[in-house]
C-alpha atoms as a PDB file:
ATOM      1  CA  UNK A   1      -0.152   0.074  -0.177  1.00  0.00           C
ATOM      2  CA  UNK A   2       1.073   3.907  -0.937  1.00  0.00           C
ATOM      3  CA  UNK A   3       1.698   5.404   2.045  1.00  0.00           C
ATOM      4  CA  UNK A   4      -0.427   8.715   1.783  1.00  0.00           C
ATOM      5  CA  UNK A   5       2.338  12.010   2.704  1.00  0.00           C
ATOM      6  CA  UNK A   6       4.785  12.716   5.151  1.00  0.00           C
ATOM      7  CA  UNK A   7       3.708  13.694   9.114  1.00  0.00           C
ATOM      8  CA  UNK A   8       6.595  15.319  11.085  1.00  0.00           C
ATOM      9  CA  UNK A   9       6.469  15.025  14.519  1.00  0.00           C
ATOM     10  CA  UNK A  10       8.232  17.417  17.143  1.00  0.00           C
ATOM     11  CA  UNK A  11       7.978  15.867  20.856  1.00  0.00           C
ATOM     12  CA  UNK A  12      10.172  16.816  23.310  1.00  0.00           C
ATOM     13  CA  UNK A  13       8.986  13.186  24.748  1.00  0.00           C
ATOM     14  CA  UNK A  14      10.882  10.629  22.956  1.00  0.00           C
ATOM     15  CA  UNK A  15       8.561   7.711  24.449  1.00  0.00           C
ATOM     16  CA  UNK A  16       5.337   9.770  23.529  1.00  0.00           C
ATOM     17  CA  UNK A  17       6.912  10.694  19.836  1.00  0.00           C
ATOM     18  CA  UNK A  18       7.910   7.254  18.791  1.00  0.00           C
ATOM     19  CA  UNK A  19       4.294   6.234  20.036  1.00  0.00           C
ATOM     20  CA  UNK A  20       2.599   8.813  18.043  1.00  0.00           C
ATOM     21  CA  UNK A  21       5.270   7.657  15.126  1.00  0.00           C
ATOM     22  CA  UNK A  22       4.174   4.160  15.011  1.00  0.00           C
ATOM     23  CA  UNK A  23       0.194   4.868  15.440  1.00  0.00           C
ATOM     24  CA  UNK A  24       0.802   6.550  12.315  1.00  0.00           C
ATOM     25  CA  UNK A  25       2.829   4.303  10.688  1.00  0.00           C
ATOM     26  CA  UNK A  26       0.255   2.001  10.865  1.00  0.00           C
ATOM     27  CA  UNK A  27      -2.639   4.051   9.199  1.00  0.00           C
ATOM     28  CA  UNK A  28       0.290   4.109   6.027  1.00  0.00           C
ATOM     29  CA  UNK A  29       1.611   7.779   7.048  1.00  0.00           C
ATOM     30  CA  UNK A  30       5.766   8.151   6.732  1.00  0.00           C
ATOM     31  CA  UNK A  31       6.705   9.634  10.084  1.00  0.00           C
ATOM     32  CA  UNK A  32       9.922  11.840  11.195  1.00  0.00           C
ATOM     33  CA  UNK A  33      10.438  12.340  14.760  1.00  0.00           C
ATOM     34  CA  UNK A  34      12.410  14.949  16.111  1.00  0.00           C
ATOM     35  CA  UNK A  35      12.515  15.565  19.915  1.00  0.00           C
ATOM     36  CA  UNK A  36      14.318  18.749  19.383  1.00  0.00           C
ATOM     37  CA  UNK A  37      12.898  22.496  17.569  1.00  0.00           C
ATOM     38  CA  UNK A  38      16.158  23.361  15.712  1.00  0.00           C
ATOM     39  CA  UNK A  39      16.283  19.158  14.056  1.00  0.00           C
ATOM     40  CA  UNK A  40      13.039  19.737  13.130  1.00  0.00           C
ATOM     41  CA  UNK A  41      13.291  22.981  11.487  1.00  0.00           C
ATOM     42  CA  UNK A  42      16.138  21.473   9.394  1.00  0.00           C
ATOM     43  CA  UNK A  43      13.897  18.602   8.474  1.00  0.00           C
ATOM     44  CA  UNK A  44      10.872  20.854   7.578  1.00  0.00           C
ATOM     45  CA  UNK A  45      13.119  22.928   5.814  1.00  0.00           C
ATOM     46  CA  UNK A  46      14.629  19.756   3.705  1.00  0.00           C
ATOM     47  CA  UNK A  47      11.748  17.619   3.794  1.00  0.00           C
ATOM     48  CA  UNK A  48       8.532  17.718   2.115  1.00  0.00           C
ATOM     49  CA  UNK A  49       6.179  18.081   5.159  1.00  0.00           C
ATOM     50  CA  UNK A  50       2.459  18.942   4.478  1.00  0.00           C
ATOM     51  CA  UNK A  51       1.981  18.691   7.975  1.00  0.00           C
ATOM     52  CA  UNK A  52       3.686  19.337  11.484  1.00  0.00           C
ATOM     53  CA  UNK A  53       2.870  17.864  14.713  1.00  0.00           C
ATOM     54  CA  UNK A  54       4.359  19.796  17.585  1.00  0.00           C
ATOM     55  CA  UNK A  55       3.663  19.040  21.112  1.00  0.00           C
ATOM     56  CA  UNK A  56       3.353  21.945  22.871  1.00  0.00           C
ATOM     57  CA  UNK A  57       2.627  21.634  26.815  1.00  0.00           C
ATOM     58  CA  UNK A  58       2.927  24.159  29.469  1.00  0.00           C
ATOM     59  CA  UNK A  59       6.470  23.510  30.146  1.00  0.00           C
ATOM     60  CA  UNK A  60       7.441  23.669  26.147  1.00  0.00           C
ATOM     61  CA  UNK A  61      10.445  25.352  25.907  1.00  0.00           C
ATOM     62  CA  UNK A  62      10.864  28.923  24.092  1.00  0.00           C
ATOM     63  CA  UNK A  63      12.840  27.390  21.147  1.00  0.00           C
ATOM     64  CA  UNK A  64       9.591  24.809  20.335  1.00  0.00           C
ATOM     65  CA  UNK A  65       7.120  27.812  20.977  1.00  0.00           C
ATOM     66  CA  UNK A  66       9.360  30.053  18.480  1.00  0.00           C
ATOM     67  CA  UNK A  67       9.159  26.636  15.772  1.00  0.00           C
ATOM     68  CA  UNK A  68       5.701  26.539  15.999  1.00  0.00           C
ATOM     69  CA  UNK A  69       4.908  30.497  15.403  1.00  0.00           C
ATOM     70  CA  UNK A  70       7.506  30.231  12.409  1.00  0.00           C
ATOM     71  CA  UNK A  71       5.712  27.124  10.699  1.00  0.00           C
ATOM     72  CA  UNK A  72       2.379  28.906  11.257  1.00  0.00           C
ATOM     73  CA  UNK A  73       3.792  31.872   9.062  1.00  0.00           C
END
């Protein structure tokens, strides 16, 4: 079966990110996981990601909040 499209997941907790990645891969999506905002920024710029999921919690570092604002623009 052909993969639907690429999704970039940004989640600082590797275990949570892997759980999301496994779930979405089972639904035939191609998933890239980043645990740091700078790494995610590079992947987003160089890759083909029509969807980016950023997990923001109340204690999210400033760099993750800035990444969300950048990608929204």
